[in-house]
Amino acid sequence: MKTIIRDIKAVVSGRVERTDIVIEDGVFSYSQTGPYEKEIDGKDLIAVPGFIDTHIHGIGGFGTEDGTEEAILGMSAKLAEAGVTSFFPTIYTDTMQRITMDEKAIAATAGKEKGASIAGIHIEGPFISPNRIGAQNPAGRLDPDEKAFYTMLEAGKGLVRAMTLAPELEGVEKIAKLGKENNIVLLMGHTDASYEEAVHGMELGIRHTTHLFNAMSGLVHRHPGVVGCCLLNSAMSAEIIADGKHVHPDIVKFVIKSKGEDKVVVITDSLRPTMQEDGILTANGVEVEMGDGLWVTKGRPELIQGSALTMHKAFVNLVRWGVPMATASAVTATTPAKIYSLSDRGEILPGKRADLVVMDSNLGIKFTMINGEIVCGTAN
């Protein structure tokens, strides 16, 4: 099937331009000649590459902690409504039995998605600091262990693409080596590392960071910590949660400006009840409620459980905070694709997967397209 979206404002090759977008057999096409089975008037619309969320625990009342194919399929469908076309279901630190159960559910679901595509698995742990557990299960925390690594690798059936760990832990060298051998992007996170320990981790190949500023040693002028290691070294890249709650909007903009758009990956770190329409709200087994734009423990607003962000809201936030639209598109799609070697997506270029978010002039989503097919919304 050949489709053309005519005269649309789109982010192409790092800039916003008015163009025609041609799609053929699920990819963006070089050919501008018809006939076309479908023509869409894009005159008042905006197109950006489909959002890629590489750190998300749940959405719509479905979460990776459910450990079922139904939950992962539910996440896939709901994510498409928020403009996400590819995602990494992210698994909490927990017992090895729970981690592998969740991995197996994700692996069994891959290929069955009706919405956002599963592009990999992100395991947020379990080799993390006991001092920076956050909302994770401390009973599942482990020191670096080869047997545990291989157990997780096997359960993931080749889908483990990202793993968060603390670079200060004894034995981290062996996990860094195994991660590199198995093409896994290693992230510093849930870590109390000193600046020197973080630099050592970077030298080992741990060169991405999990939700920068959150659950890690901060930047102090005499003790730069993990944040300082990330900001001061060009080899490092960073996840960041762009909800304006986890990190101040001006700091988000500063990180993008100082690191460059090719080193920043915007994530949601969204939890199960985000976009949930009814029922009891829980995240990783804890009943939660909304508190100042975040999910907090019910009745304990001081106990933050995590984010209620969507990738569409993150994109809109960035634009409204003054980030150029092309840069906002890069950090929500192009850069995550490059960091995780998803070479077939993340840009509106001939030969790439035709994954698109099409919005109106107010940045409301009109439709989400995956592999050239509209999976939610309408082009009318």
Protein backbone atom coordinates (compact mmCIF):
# COMPACT_ATOMS: atom_id res chain seq x y z
CA MET A 1 0.00 0.00 0.00
CA LYS A 2 1.27 3.47 -0.89
CA THR A 3 0.21 6.48 1.17
CA ILE A 4 1.05 10.18 0.86
CA ILE A 5 0.64 12.87 3.52
CA ARG A 6 0.64 16.09 1.54
CA ASP A 7 1.99 19.48 2.55
CA ILE A 8 2.67 18.68 6.20
CA LYS A 9 5.02 20.46 8.59
CA ALA A 10 7.47 17.76 9.71
CA VAL A 11 10.75 17.25 11.55
CA VAL A 12 13.13 15.96 8.87
CA SER A 13 16.93 15.72 9.15
CA GLY A 14 17.06 17.86 12.25
CA ARG A 15 14.88 20.71 11.03
CA VAL A 16 11.21 21.58 10.66
CA GLU A 17 10.10 21.86 7.04
CA ARG A 18 6.95 21.64 4.97
CA THR A 19 7.01 18.51 2.85
CA ASP A 20 5.13 15.53 1.45
CA ILE A 21 5.65 12.23 3.27
CA VAL A 22 5.35 9.07 1.19
CA ILE A 23 4.94 5.67 2.81
CA GLU A 24 5.16 2.36 1.00
CA ASP A 25 5.12 -1.16 2.48
CA GLY A 26 5.55 0.14 6.00
CA VAL A 27 8.57 2.39 5.40
CA PHE A 28 9.18 5.94 4.28
CA SER A 29 9.69 5.92 0.53
CA TYR A 30 12.08 7.62 -1.89
CA SER A 31 9.44 7.57 -4.62
CA GLN A 32 7.17 10.60 -4.98
CA THR A 33 5.15 9.17 -7.84
CA GLY A 34 1.65 7.71 -7.51
CA PRO A 35 -0.77 6.19 -7.67
CA TYR A 36 -1.59 6.35 -3.96
CA GLU A 37 -4.11 4.14 -2.23
CA LYS A 38 -4.47 6.74 0.53
CA GLU A 39 -3.96 10.52 0.48
CA ILE A 40 -3.95 12.63 3.65
CA ASP A 41 -4.15 16.43 3.73
CA GLY A 42 -1.43 17.58 6.14
CA LYS A 43 -1.81 21.33 5.62
CA ASP A 44 -2.71 22.12 9.25
CA LEU A 45 -0.82 19.21 10.82
CA ILE A 46 2.62 18.50 12.32
CA ALA A 47 4.51 15.20 12.00
CA VAL A 48 7.37 13.93 14.15
CA PRO A 49 8.99 10.49 14.34
CA GLY A 50 7.13 8.14 16.67
CA PHE A 51 8.21 8.51 20.28
CA ILE A 52 10.51 5.84 21.73
CA ASP A 53 10.23 5.28 25.50
CA THR A 54 13.20 3.29 26.78
CA HIS A 55 12.23 3.43 30.46
CA ILE A 56 8.60 2.70 31.34
CA HIS A 57 7.13 0.40 33.98
CA GLY A 58 3.46 0.71 33.14
CA ILE A 59 0.53 2.68 31.76
CA GLY A 60 -3.26 2.40 31.52
CA GLY A 61 -3.56 0.07 34.51
CA PHE A 62 -1.07 -2.39 33.02
CA GLY A 63 2.48 -2.91 34.27
CA THR A 64 5.51 -5.08 33.79
CA GLU A 65 5.09 -6.18 37.42
CA ASP A 66 1.89 -8.00 36.38
CA GLY A 67 4.07 -10.59 34.67
CA THR A 68 1.49 -11.42 31.98
CA GLU A 69 1.19 -11.15 28.22
CA GLU A 70 -2.14 -9.38 28.72
CA ALA A 71 -0.41 -6.60 30.67
CA ILE A 72 2.30 -6.06 28.06
CA LEU A 73 -0.28 -6.00 25.26
CA GLY A 74 -2.29 -3.51 27.30
CA MET A 75 0.77 -1.30 27.67
CA SER A 76 1.42 -1.53 23.93
CA ALA A 77 -2.09 -0.39 23.03
CA LYS A 78 -2.22 2.45 25.56
CA LEU A 79 1.23 3.72 24.63
CA ALA A 80 0.15 4.20 21.02
CA GLU A 81 -2.53 6.60 22.26
CA ALA A 82 0.32 8.69 23.72
CA GLY A 83 2.30 8.65 20.47
CA VAL A 84 4.77 5.93 21.48
CA THR A 85 5.68 3.62 18.62
CA SER A 86 8.49 1.64 20.31
CA PHE A 87 9.18 0.94 23.98
CA PHE A 88 11.34 -0.93 26.46
CA PRO A 89 9.12 -2.53 29.11
CA THR A 90 11.17 -1.83 32.24
CA ILE A 91 11.46 -4.33 35.07
CA TYR A 92 11.92 -3.31 38.68
CA THR A 93 14.60 -4.72 40.96
CA ASP A 94 12.90 -7.65 42.67
CA THR A 95 13.56 -11.29 43.46
CA MET A 96 15.16 -13.20 40.60
CA GLN A 97 11.97 -15.24 40.31
CA ARG A 98 9.91 -12.08 39.75
CA ILE A 99 12.41 -10.50 37.38
CA THR A 100 12.57 -13.57 35.17
CA MET A 101 8.79 -14.05 35.29
CA ASP A 102 8.33 -10.51 33.98
CA GLU A 103 11.01 -11.02 31.32
CA LYS A 104 9.38 -14.21 30.08
CA ALA A 105 6.01 -12.48 29.76
CA ILE A 106 7.57 -9.69 27.68
CA ALA A 107 9.48 -12.14 25.49
CA ALA A 108 6.34 -14.21 24.90
CA THR A 109 4.44 -11.06 23.86
CA ALA A 110 7.01 -9.70 21.40
CA GLY A 111 5.55 -9.85 17.90
CA LYS A 112 1.94 -9.88 19.08
CA GLU A 113 1.66 -6.13 19.79
CA LYS A 114 -1.21 -4.16 18.28
CA GLY A 115 0.23 -0.80 19.35
CA ALA A 116 3.76 0.25 20.29
CA SER A 117 6.44 -2.29 19.38
CA ILE A 118 8.59 -3.95 22.01
CA ALA A 119 12.11 -2.86 21.07
CA GLY A 120 13.90 -4.37 24.06
CA ILE A 121 13.79 -4.98 27.80
CA HIS A 122 15.29 -2.60 30.36
CA ILE A 123 16.12 -4.24 33.70
CA GLU A 124 16.43 -1.52 36.35
CA GLY A 125 18.82 -3.46 38.56
CA PRO A 126 19.28 -5.67 40.46
CA PHE A 127 22.95 -4.68 40.86
CA ILE A 128 22.21 -1.36 42.56
CA SER A 129 23.19 0.47 45.74
CA PRO A 130 21.42 -0.42 49.00
CA ASN A 131 21.51 3.30 49.77
CA ARG A 132 19.61 4.32 46.62
CA ILE A 133 16.87 1.68 46.36
CA GLY A 134 14.07 4.18 45.78
CA ALA A 135 10.76 2.42 45.09
CA GLN A 136 12.48 -0.88 44.25
CA ASN A 137 12.25 -4.06 46.35
CA PRO A 138 15.35 -4.19 48.60
CA ALA A 139 14.95 -7.97 48.90
CA GLY A 140 15.87 -8.27 45.22
CA ARG A 141 19.02 -6.14 45.31
CA LEU A 142 22.20 -8.06 44.48
CA ASP A 143 25.89 -7.44 44.27
CA PRO A 144 27.25 -8.10 40.76
CA ASP A 145 26.87 -11.79 40.02
CA GLU A 146 27.58 -13.60 36.76
CA LYS A 147 25.08 -16.37 37.40
CA ALA A 148 22.28 -13.87 38.01
CA PHE A 149 23.29 -11.95 34.88
CA TYR A 150 23.09 -15.07 32.71
CA THR A 151 19.80 -16.09 34.32
CA MET A 152 18.28 -12.75 33.31
CA LEU A 153 19.86 -12.88 29.87
CA GLU A 154 18.36 -16.31 29.19
CA ALA A 155 14.89 -15.34 30.43
CA GLY A 156 14.89 -12.30 28.15
CA LYS A 157 15.31 -14.40 24.99
CA GLY A 158 17.64 -11.87 23.37
CA LEU A 159 15.52 -8.82 24.24
CA VAL A 160 17.58 -7.43 27.14
CA ARG A 161 18.93 -4.18 25.69
CA ALA A 162 19.45 -2.06 28.83
CA MET A 163 20.49 -2.69 32.42
CA THR A 164 20.84 -0.24 35.29
CA LEU A 165 23.63 -0.82 37.81
CA ALA A 166 25.72 0.99 40.40
CA PRO A 167 29.37 1.40 39.31
CA GLU A 168 30.72 1.46 42.88
CA LEU A 169 29.74 -2.14 43.63
CA GLU A 170 32.48 -4.71 44.02
CA GLY A 171 32.63 -6.97 40.98
CA VAL A 172 31.04 -4.46 38.60
CA GLU A 173 33.90 -5.03 36.14
CA LYS A 174 32.64 -8.50 35.23
CA ILE A 175 29.10 -7.24 34.56
CA ALA A 176 30.44 -4.40 32.41
CA LYS A 177 32.42 -6.93 30.37
CA LEU A 178 29.42 -9.23 29.96
CA GLY A 179 27.17 -6.32 29.05
CA LYS A 180 29.52 -5.26 26.27
CA GLU A 181 29.82 -8.82 24.96
CA ASN A 182 26.03 -9.12 24.81
CA ASN A 183 25.33 -5.68 23.27
CA ILE A 184 23.55 -4.40 26.37
CA VAL A 185 23.60 -0.67 27.08
CA LEU A 186 24.64 -0.26 30.72
CA LEU A 187 23.32 2.68 32.72
CA MET A 188 24.54 4.19 35.98
CA GLY A 189 21.56 4.44 38.27
CA HIS A 190 20.32 3.86 41.80
CA THR A 191 23.91 4.56 42.75
CA ASP A 192 25.82 6.30 45.54
CA ALA A 193 29.08 6.34 43.58
CA SER A 194 31.70 8.99 44.11
CA TYR A 195 32.88 10.96 41.10
CA GLU A 196 35.98 8.75 40.89
CA GLU A 197 33.90 5.56 41.03
CA ALA A 198 31.58 6.92 38.36
CA VAL A 199 34.53 7.78 36.09
CA HIS A 200 35.85 4.24 36.61
CA GLY A 201 32.43 2.92 35.58
CA MET A 202 32.49 5.11 32.49
CA GLU A 203 35.91 3.72 31.58
CA LEU A 204 34.45 0.21 31.92
CA GLY A 205 31.74 1.09 29.42
CA ILE A 206 28.86 2.16 31.69
CA ARG A 207 28.13 5.29 29.69
CA HIS A 208 24.43 6.01 29.96
CA THR A 209 22.61 7.22 33.10
CA THR A 210 19.26 6.23 34.54
CA HIS A 211 16.92 9.21 35.15
CA LEU A 212 19.70 11.77 35.65
CA PHE A 213 19.64 13.52 39.09
CA ASN A 214 17.19 11.02 40.56
CA ALA A 215 18.40 8.14 42.78
CA MET A 216 22.09 8.99 42.36
CA SER A 217 24.88 10.99 44.00
CA GLY A 218 24.40 14.64 43.09
CA LEU A 219 26.65 17.41 41.89
CA VAL A 220 28.48 19.20 44.71
CA HIS A 221 31.42 21.47 43.93
CA ARG A 222 33.86 19.35 45.95
CA HIS A 223 32.18 16.02 45.23
CA PRO A 224 30.80 15.97 41.65
CA GLY A 225 29.23 12.51 42.02
CA VAL A 226 27.49 10.62 39.22
CA VAL A 227 25.70 13.75 38.02
CA GLY A 228 29.04 15.52 37.64
CA CYS A 229 30.54 12.54 35.80
CA CYS A 230 27.67 12.64 33.32
CA LEU A 231 27.70 16.39 32.76
CA LEU A 232 31.49 16.75 32.55
CA ASN A 233 32.31 13.85 30.22
CA SER A 234 31.35 13.76 26.55
CA ALA A 235 31.38 9.96 26.56
CA MET A 236 28.36 9.96 28.88
CA SER A 237 24.72 10.22 27.85
CA ALA A 238 21.66 10.62 30.03
CA GLU A 239 18.05 9.66 30.50
CA ILE A 240 15.95 12.47 31.96
CA ILE A 241 12.31 12.64 33.07
CA ALA A 242 10.73 15.71 31.48
CA ASP A 243 7.70 16.13 33.72
CA GLY A 244 8.96 19.28 35.44
CA LYS A 245 8.60 17.49 38.78
CA HIS A 246 11.51 15.06 38.94
CA VAL A 247 13.80 17.70 37.43
CA HIS A 248 13.16 21.45 37.14
CA PRO A 249 12.31 22.50 33.56
CA ASP A 250 15.30 24.86 33.38
CA ILE A 251 17.64 22.05 34.43
CA VAL A 252 16.15 19.80 31.74
CA LYS A 253 16.87 22.52 29.18
CA PHE A 254 20.36 23.04 30.60
CA VAL A 255 21.18 19.33 30.28
CA ILE A 256 19.99 19.23 26.66
CA LYS A 257 21.99 22.37 25.84
CA SER A 258 25.17 21.32 27.66
CA LYS A 259 25.22 17.64 26.65
CA GLY A 260 23.74 18.13 23.20
CA GLU A 261 20.58 16.55 21.81
CA ASP A 262 22.55 13.50 20.68
CA LYS A 263 23.39 12.63 24.31
CA VAL A 264 19.99 13.07 25.97
CA VAL A 265 17.12 10.57 26.02
CA VAL A 266 13.81 11.77 27.41
CA ILE A 267 11.92 9.03 29.24
CA THR A 268 8.71 8.80 31.24
CA ASP A 269 9.56 6.24 33.96
CA SER A 270 5.76 6.00 34.00
CA LEU A 271 3.99 3.71 36.44
CA ARG A 272 1.04 1.37 36.02
CA PRO A 273 -1.77 3.82 36.91
CA THR A 274 -0.77 6.51 34.38
CA MET A 275 -3.76 7.01 32.03
CA GLN A 276 -5.71 4.39 34.01
CA GLU A 277 -9.41 5.15 33.70
CA ASP A 278 -10.91 3.24 36.64
CA GLY A 279 -10.18 0.70 39.36
CA ILE A 280 -7.69 0.62 42.23
CA LEU A 281 -4.46 2.46 41.48
CA THR A 282 -1.34 0.44 42.28
CA ALA A 283 2.33 0.56 41.31
CA ASN A 284 4.58 -2.42 42.01
CA GLY A 285 2.07 -3.71 44.53
CA VAL A 286 1.69 -0.40 46.41
CA GLU A 287 -1.60 1.51 46.40
CA VAL A 288 -0.95 5.03 45.12
CA GLU A 289 -2.65 8.36 44.53
CA MET A 290 -1.82 11.52 42.61
CA GLY A 291 0.19 14.09 44.52
CA ASP A 292 1.49 17.24 42.80
CA GLY A 293 1.70 15.51 39.43
CA LEU A 294 3.44 12.39 40.76
CA TRP A 295 2.31 9.00 41.99
CA VAL A 296 2.72 8.85 45.78
CA THR A 297 1.88 6.19 48.34
CA LYS A 298 -1.80 6.48 49.25
CA GLY A 299 -2.13 8.41 52.48
CA ARG A 300 1.63 9.15 52.52
CA PRO A 301 2.18 12.02 50.05
CA GLU A 302 5.82 12.38 51.14
CA LEU A 303 6.60 8.91 49.70
CA ILE A 304 7.02 9.39 45.93
CA GLN A 305 6.50 6.20 43.94
CA GLY A 306 7.16 7.59 40.47
CA SER A 307 6.07 9.37 37.34
CA ALA A 308 2.68 9.96 35.74
CA LEU A 309 4.27 11.28 32.54
CA THR A 310 3.54 10.24 28.96
CA MET A 311 5.93 10.75 26.05
CA HIS A 312 3.42 13.01 24.32
CA LYS A 313 3.20 15.19 27.43
CA ALA A 314 7.01 15.20 27.67
CA PHE A 315 7.27 16.40 24.07
CA VAL A 316 4.67 19.11 24.64
CA ASN A 317 6.44 20.16 27.87
CA LEU A 318 9.74 20.56 26.05
CA VAL A 319 8.23 22.70 23.30
CA ARG A 320 6.35 24.86 25.79
CA TRP A 321 9.53 25.27 27.87
CA GLY A 322 11.19 26.77 24.80
CA VAL A 323 13.06 23.76 23.41
CA PRO A 324 13.00 23.88 19.56
CA MET A 325 10.60 21.32 18.10
CA ALA A 326 13.36 19.57 16.14
CA THR A 327 15.39 19.16 19.34
CA ALA A 328 12.35 17.91 21.25
CA SER A 329 11.85 15.35 18.48
CA ALA A 330 15.49 14.28 18.63
CA VAL A 331 15.49 13.54 22.38
CA THR A 332 12.15 11.70 22.24
CA ALA A 333 12.85 9.57 19.15
CA THR A 334 16.08 9.99 17.17
CA THR A 335 18.59 9.86 20.04
CA PRO A 336 17.10 6.84 21.84
CA ALA A 337 17.09 5.00 18.51
CA LYS A 338 20.77 5.80 18.00
CA ILE A 339 21.92 5.00 21.54
CA TYR A 340 20.18 1.63 21.45
CA SER A 341 21.17 0.84 17.83
CA LEU A 342 17.57 0.81 16.58
CA SER A 343 18.82 1.75 13.16
CA ASP A 344 15.52 1.16 11.35
CA ARG A 345 13.53 3.86 13.16
CA GLY A 346 13.59 7.22 14.92
CA GLU A 347 13.68 9.51 11.87
CA ILE A 348 11.48 10.48 8.94
CA LEU A 349 13.89 9.29 6.26
CA PRO A 350 13.51 6.98 3.25
CA GLY A 351 13.97 3.36 4.21
CA LYS A 352 13.16 3.87 7.90
CA ARG A 353 10.09 2.38 9.57
CA ALA A 354 7.09 4.60 8.97
CA ASP A 355 6.47 5.37 12.64
CA LEU A 356 4.82 8.77 13.04
CA VAL A 357 3.00 10.95 15.50
CA VAL A 358 0.78 13.45 13.68
CA MET A 359 -0.47 16.39 15.72
CA ASP A 360 -2.65 19.42 15.19
CA SER A 361 -1.42 22.99 15.56
CA ASN A 362 -2.05 22.84 19.33
CA LEU A 363 0.12 19.68 19.58
CA GLY A 364 -2.83 17.42 20.26
CA ILE A 365 -2.40 13.95 18.75
CA LYS A 366 -4.47 13.33 15.61
CA PHE A 367 -3.13 9.85 14.92
CA THR A 368 -0.25 7.49 15.60
CA MET A 369 1.18 5.45 12.74
CA ILE A 370 3.32 2.32 13.21
CA ASN A 371 4.89 0.54 10.25
CA GLY A 372 2.80 2.70 7.94
CA GLU A 373 -0.52 1.79 9.56
CA ILE A 374 -2.67 4.14 11.64
CA VAL A 375 -3.10 2.27 14.95
CA CYS A 376 -5.07 4.92 16.83
CA GLY A 377 -6.72 8.21 16.03
CA THR A 378 -7.88 9.24 12.58
CA ALA A 379 -6.52 11.05 9.53
CA ASN A 380 -9.92 12.60 8.73
